[in-house]
């Protein structure tokens, strides 16, 4: 989900088309919407963790570290923007849910 956002796009605005499309085919419940962005972040964290682990096992495989660079940049961007806290309300509003949680 987060890997498909262009570097210049807003992170929440960038995930919105994917979330809207998914929701139109398989409606999400409010609790799922609240968890979605955090789970997407955890997927990125898992990816960089596995890349680091695999690069220790195979230090000559440069691809493992190269593929992790965009993920690290994304995590740094999320941390700098601090959007993980407002993501649930943003997505709830976009999908027509009550924003009071």
N, C-alpha and C. Protein backbone atom coordinates (compact mmCIF):
# COMPACT_ATOMS: atom_id res chain seq x y z
N UNK A 1 0.83 -1.19 0.00
CA UNK A 1 0.00 0.00 0.00
C UNK A 1 0.87 1.26 0.00
N UNK A 2 1.76 1.36 0.97
CA UNK A 2 2.59 2.56 1.07
C UNK A 2 3.72 2.58 0.05
N UNK A 3 4.10 1.42 -0.45
CA UNK A 3 5.19 1.36 -1.43
C UNK A 3 4.79 1.96 -2.78
N UNK A 4 3.51 2.14 -3.01
CA UNK A 4 3.03 2.59 -4.32
C UNK A 4 2.76 4.09 -4.39
N UNK A 5 3.14 4.82 -3.38
CA UNK A 5 2.91 6.26 -3.36
C UNK A 5 4.11 6.96 -3.99
N UNK A 6 3.83 7.88 -4.89
CA UNK A 6 4.93 8.62 -5.51
C UNK A 6 5.57 9.53 -4.46
N UNK A 7 6.88 9.76 -4.58
CA UNK A 7 7.59 10.55 -3.56
C UNK A 7 7.04 11.95 -3.35
N UNK A 8 6.46 12.56 -4.36
CA UNK A 8 5.94 13.91 -4.21
C UNK A 8 4.53 13.99 -3.68
N UNK A 9 3.83 12.88 -3.61
CA UNK A 9 2.43 12.88 -3.17
C UNK A 9 2.34 12.89 -1.65
N UNK A 10 1.26 13.48 -1.15
CA UNK A 10 0.98 13.38 0.28
C UNK A 10 0.72 11.92 0.62
N UNK A 11 1.20 11.48 1.75
CA UNK A 11 1.08 10.06 2.09
C UNK A 11 -0.37 9.62 2.22
N UNK A 12 -1.16 10.36 2.94
CA UNK A 12 -2.56 9.96 3.10
C UNK A 12 -3.33 10.10 1.80
N UNK A 13 -3.08 11.17 1.09
CA UNK A 13 -3.73 11.35 -0.21
C UNK A 13 -3.29 10.27 -1.20
N UNK A 14 -2.05 9.84 -1.06
CA UNK A 14 -1.51 8.81 -1.95
C UNK A 14 -2.12 7.44 -1.72
N UNK A 15 -2.45 7.10 -0.48
CA UNK A 15 -3.06 5.79 -0.22
C UNK A 15 -4.55 5.78 -0.48
N UNK A 16 -5.16 6.97 -0.51
CA UNK A 16 -6.61 7.05 -0.62
C UNK A 16 -7.20 6.32 -1.82
N UNK A 17 -6.65 6.46 -3.04
CA UNK A 17 -7.24 5.72 -4.17
C UNK A 17 -7.25 4.20 -3.95
N UNK A 18 -6.21 3.67 -3.34
CA UNK A 18 -6.15 2.23 -3.08
C UNK A 18 -7.21 1.83 -2.05
N UNK A 19 -7.33 2.64 -1.00
CA UNK A 19 -8.29 2.34 0.06
C UNK A 19 -9.72 2.45 -0.47
N UNK A 20 -9.99 3.49 -1.24
CA UNK A 20 -11.34 3.66 -1.81
C UNK A 20 -11.69 2.51 -2.75
N UNK A 21 -10.75 2.11 -3.57
CA UNK A 21 -11.00 1.01 -4.51
C UNK A 21 -11.25 -0.29 -3.76
N UNK A 22 -10.44 -0.56 -2.76
CA UNK A 22 -10.62 -1.78 -1.99
C UNK A 22 -11.98 -1.76 -1.29
N UNK A 23 -12.28 -0.63 -0.66
CA UNK A 23 -13.53 -0.47 0.09
C UNK A 23 -14.75 -0.63 -0.81
N UNK A 24 -14.63 -0.21 -2.06
CA UNK A 24 -15.76 -0.35 -2.99
C UNK A 24 -16.03 -1.81 -3.35
N UNK A 25 -15.00 -2.64 -3.31
CA UNK A 25 -15.15 -4.06 -3.64
C UNK A 25 -15.36 -4.94 -2.41
N UNK A 26 -14.74 -4.54 -1.32
CA UNK A 26 -14.80 -5.32 -0.08
C UNK A 26 -14.91 -4.32 1.08
N UNK A 27 -16.14 -3.91 1.41
CA UNK A 27 -16.31 -2.84 2.40
C UNK A 27 -15.60 -3.13 3.73
N UNK A 28 -14.88 -2.11 4.16
CA UNK A 28 -14.15 -2.18 5.42
C UNK A 28 -15.06 -1.77 6.58
N UNK A 29 -14.80 -2.34 7.73
CA UNK A 29 -15.47 -1.91 8.95
C UNK A 29 -14.64 -0.79 9.57
N UNK A 30 -15.25 -0.03 10.47
CA UNK A 30 -14.57 1.11 11.08
C UNK A 30 -13.26 0.69 11.77
N UNK A 31 -13.29 -0.42 12.48
CA UNK A 31 -12.07 -0.88 13.17
C UNK A 31 -10.96 -1.22 12.17
N UNK A 32 -11.33 -1.75 11.03
CA UNK A 32 -10.34 -2.07 10.00
C UNK A 32 -9.74 -0.79 9.42
N UNK A 33 -10.58 0.21 9.23
CA UNK A 33 -10.10 1.50 8.72
C UNK A 33 -9.12 2.11 9.72
N UNK A 34 -9.46 2.01 11.01
CA UNK A 34 -8.58 2.57 12.04
C UNK A 34 -7.23 1.88 12.08
N UNK A 35 -7.20 0.60 11.79
CA UNK A 35 -5.96 -0.17 11.85
C UNK A 35 -5.14 -0.11 10.56
N UNK A 36 -5.75 0.26 9.48
CA UNK A 36 -5.16 0.11 8.15
C UNK A 36 -3.80 0.79 7.99
N UNK A 37 -3.69 2.06 8.31
CA UNK A 37 -2.44 2.78 8.09
C UNK A 37 -1.33 2.22 8.98
N UNK A 38 -1.65 1.94 10.24
CA UNK A 38 -0.66 1.36 11.14
C UNK A 38 -0.17 0.01 10.65
N UNK A 39 -1.09 -0.80 10.13
CA UNK A 39 -0.70 -2.10 9.60
C UNK A 39 0.17 -1.95 8.35
N UNK A 40 -0.15 -0.96 7.53
CA UNK A 40 0.67 -0.71 6.34
C UNK A 40 2.09 -0.29 6.76
N UNK A 41 2.18 0.52 7.81
CA UNK A 41 3.50 0.91 8.33
C UNK A 41 4.26 -0.30 8.86
N UNK A 42 3.56 -1.18 9.55
CA UNK A 42 4.21 -2.38 10.07
C UNK A 42 4.72 -3.26 8.93
N UNK A 43 4.02 -3.27 7.82
CA UNK A 43 4.48 -4.04 6.65
C UNK A 43 5.79 -3.47 6.12
N UNK A 44 5.91 -2.15 6.10
CA UNK A 44 7.15 -1.52 5.66
C UNK A 44 8.27 -1.83 6.66
N UNK A 45 7.95 -1.77 7.95
CA UNK A 45 8.95 -2.10 8.99
C UNK A 45 9.42 -3.54 8.84
N UNK A 46 8.49 -4.44 8.57
CA UNK A 46 8.85 -5.84 8.37
C UNK A 46 9.77 -5.98 7.17
N UNK A 47 9.48 -5.25 6.12
CA UNK A 47 10.29 -5.32 4.91
C UNK A 47 11.73 -4.87 5.16
N UNK A 48 11.91 -3.76 5.86
CA UNK A 48 13.28 -3.29 6.11
C UNK A 48 14.00 -4.20 7.12
N UNK A 49 13.25 -4.76 8.06
CA UNK A 49 13.86 -5.69 9.02
C UNK A 49 14.33 -6.95 8.31
N UNK A 50 13.50 -7.49 7.44
CA UNK A 50 13.88 -8.70 6.71
C UNK A 50 15.05 -8.41 5.76
N UNK A 51 15.05 -7.25 5.17
CA UNK A 51 16.15 -6.88 4.29
C UNK A 51 17.46 -6.83 5.07
N UNK A 52 17.42 -6.23 6.25
CA UNK A 52 18.63 -6.16 7.07
C UNK A 52 19.09 -7.55 7.49
N UNK A 53 18.16 -8.38 7.88
CA UNK A 53 18.50 -9.76 8.28
C UNK A 53 19.09 -10.53 7.11
N UNK A 54 18.44 -10.46 5.95
CA UNK A 54 18.92 -11.20 4.79
C UNK A 54 20.26 -10.68 4.29
N UNK A 55 20.49 -9.37 4.43
CA UNK A 55 21.78 -8.83 3.98
C UNK A 55 22.92 -9.30 4.88
N UNK A 56 22.62 -9.60 6.14
CA UNK A 56 23.65 -10.18 7.02
C UNK A 56 23.96 -11.61 6.61
N UNK A 57 22.94 -12.32 6.16
CA UNK A 57 23.15 -13.70 5.71
C UNK A 57 23.85 -13.75 4.36
N UNK A 58 23.60 -12.75 3.53
CA UNK A 58 24.15 -12.71 2.17
C UNK A 58 24.70 -11.31 1.89
N UNK A 59 25.83 -10.93 2.51
CA UNK A 59 26.34 -9.57 2.42
C UNK A 59 26.74 -9.13 1.00
N UNK A 60 26.95 -10.07 0.11
CA UNK A 60 27.32 -9.71 -1.26
C UNK A 60 26.12 -9.39 -2.14
N UNK A 61 24.92 -9.59 -1.63
CA UNK A 61 23.71 -9.33 -2.40
C UNK A 61 23.29 -7.86 -2.21
N UNK A 62 23.77 -7.01 -3.11
CA UNK A 62 23.50 -5.57 -3.01
C UNK A 62 22.03 -5.24 -3.20
N UNK A 63 21.32 -6.08 -3.92
CA UNK A 63 19.90 -5.83 -4.17
C UNK A 63 19.11 -5.71 -2.87
N UNK A 64 19.49 -6.49 -1.86
CA UNK A 64 18.75 -6.47 -0.60
C UNK A 64 18.77 -5.09 0.05
N UNK A 65 19.91 -4.43 0.00
CA UNK A 65 20.00 -3.10 0.59
C UNK A 65 19.43 -2.02 -0.32
N UNK A 66 19.61 -2.18 -1.61
CA UNK A 66 19.07 -1.20 -2.55
C UNK A 66 17.54 -1.17 -2.47
N UNK A 67 16.93 -2.33 -2.37
CA UNK A 67 15.48 -2.37 -2.32
C UNK A 67 14.94 -1.82 -1.00
N UNK A 68 15.75 -1.78 0.05
CA UNK A 68 15.31 -1.26 1.34
C UNK A 68 15.39 0.27 1.41
N UNK A 69 16.20 0.88 0.56
CA UNK A 69 16.37 2.34 0.63
C UNK A 69 15.06 3.11 0.51
N UNK A 70 14.20 2.80 -0.48
CA UNK A 70 12.93 3.54 -0.55
C UNK A 70 12.04 3.32 0.67
N UNK A 71 12.09 2.14 1.24
CA UNK A 71 11.29 1.86 2.43
C UNK A 71 11.77 2.69 3.62
N UNK A 72 13.08 2.80 3.78
CA UNK A 72 13.61 3.63 4.86
C UNK A 72 13.23 5.09 4.66
N UNK A 73 13.31 5.56 3.43
CA UNK A 73 12.91 6.95 3.14
C UNK A 73 11.45 7.17 3.48
N UNK A 74 10.62 6.20 3.16
CA UNK A 74 9.20 6.29 3.47
C UNK A 74 8.97 6.35 4.98
N UNK A 75 9.65 5.50 5.74
CA UNK A 75 9.50 5.51 7.19
C UNK A 75 9.99 6.83 7.79
N UNK A 76 11.08 7.36 7.26
CA UNK A 76 11.57 8.66 7.72
C UNK A 76 10.57 9.76 7.42
N UNK A 77 9.94 9.68 6.27
CA UNK A 77 8.94 10.67 5.88
C UNK A 77 7.71 10.60 6.80
N UNK A 78 7.28 9.41 7.11
CA UNK A 78 6.14 9.24 8.02
C UNK A 78 6.48 9.82 9.39
N UNK A 79 7.68 9.52 9.88
CA UNK A 79 8.10 10.04 11.18
C UNK A 79 8.18 11.56 11.18
N UNK A 80 8.72 12.13 10.12
CA UNK A 80 8.86 13.59 10.03
C UNK A 80 7.50 14.28 9.94
N UNK A 81 6.58 13.68 9.17
CA UNK A 81 5.25 14.28 8.98
C UNK A 81 4.34 14.03 10.18
N UNK A 82 4.58 12.96 10.93
CA UNK A 82 3.75 12.63 12.07
C UNK A 82 2.31 12.30 11.70
N UNK A 83 2.10 11.74 10.52
CA UNK A 83 0.73 11.53 10.06
C UNK A 83 0.07 10.26 10.58
N UNK A 84 0.84 9.39 11.21
CA UNK A 84 0.23 8.14 11.65
C UNK A 84 -0.89 8.38 12.66
N UNK A 85 -0.84 9.49 13.36
CA UNK A 85 -1.86 9.80 14.36
C UNK A 85 -3.16 10.30 13.73
N UNK A 86 -3.06 11.00 12.62
CA UNK A 86 -4.27 11.54 11.99
C UNK A 86 -4.81 10.63 10.88
N UNK A 87 -4.09 9.60 10.54
CA UNK A 87 -4.51 8.71 9.45
C UNK A 87 -5.88 8.08 9.67
N UNK A 88 -6.18 7.54 10.86
CA UNK A 88 -7.50 6.93 11.02
C UNK A 88 -8.66 7.91 10.76
N UNK A 89 -8.57 9.10 11.30
CA UNK A 89 -9.65 10.08 11.09
C UNK A 89 -9.75 10.49 9.63
N UNK A 90 -8.60 10.66 8.97
CA UNK A 90 -8.60 11.01 7.55
C UNK A 90 -9.29 9.93 6.72
N UNK A 91 -8.91 8.68 6.95
CA UNK A 91 -9.49 7.57 6.19
C UNK A 91 -10.96 7.36 6.54
N UNK A 92 -11.32 7.50 7.81
CA UNK A 92 -12.73 7.38 8.21
C UNK A 92 -13.58 8.41 7.46
N UNK A 93 -13.12 9.64 7.45
CA UNK A 93 -13.87 10.70 6.77
C UNK A 93 -14.00 10.40 5.29
N UNK A 94 -12.92 9.99 4.66
CA UNK A 94 -12.92 9.71 3.22
C UNK A 94 -13.87 8.57 2.87
N UNK A 95 -14.04 7.61 3.78
CA UNK A 95 -14.91 6.47 3.53
C UNK A 95 -16.31 6.65 4.07
N UNK A 96 -16.59 7.82 4.65
CA UNK A 96 -17.94 8.11 5.12
C UNK A 96 -18.27 7.57 6.51
N UNK A 97 -17.24 7.24 7.29
CA UNK A 97 -17.48 6.78 8.66
C UNK A 97 -17.50 7.97 9.61
N UNK A 98 -18.03 7.75 10.81
CA UNK A 98 -17.99 8.73 11.88
C UNK A 98 -16.52 8.98 12.22
N UNK A 99 -16.12 10.23 12.30
CA UNK A 99 -14.70 10.54 12.56
C UNK A 99 -14.39 10.62 14.04
N UNK A 100 -15.38 10.43 14.91
CA UNK A 100 -15.12 10.51 16.35
C UNK A 100 -14.54 9.22 16.92
N UNK A 101 -14.47 8.18 16.08
CA UNK A 101 -13.85 6.93 16.48
C UNK A 101 -14.72 6.12 17.37
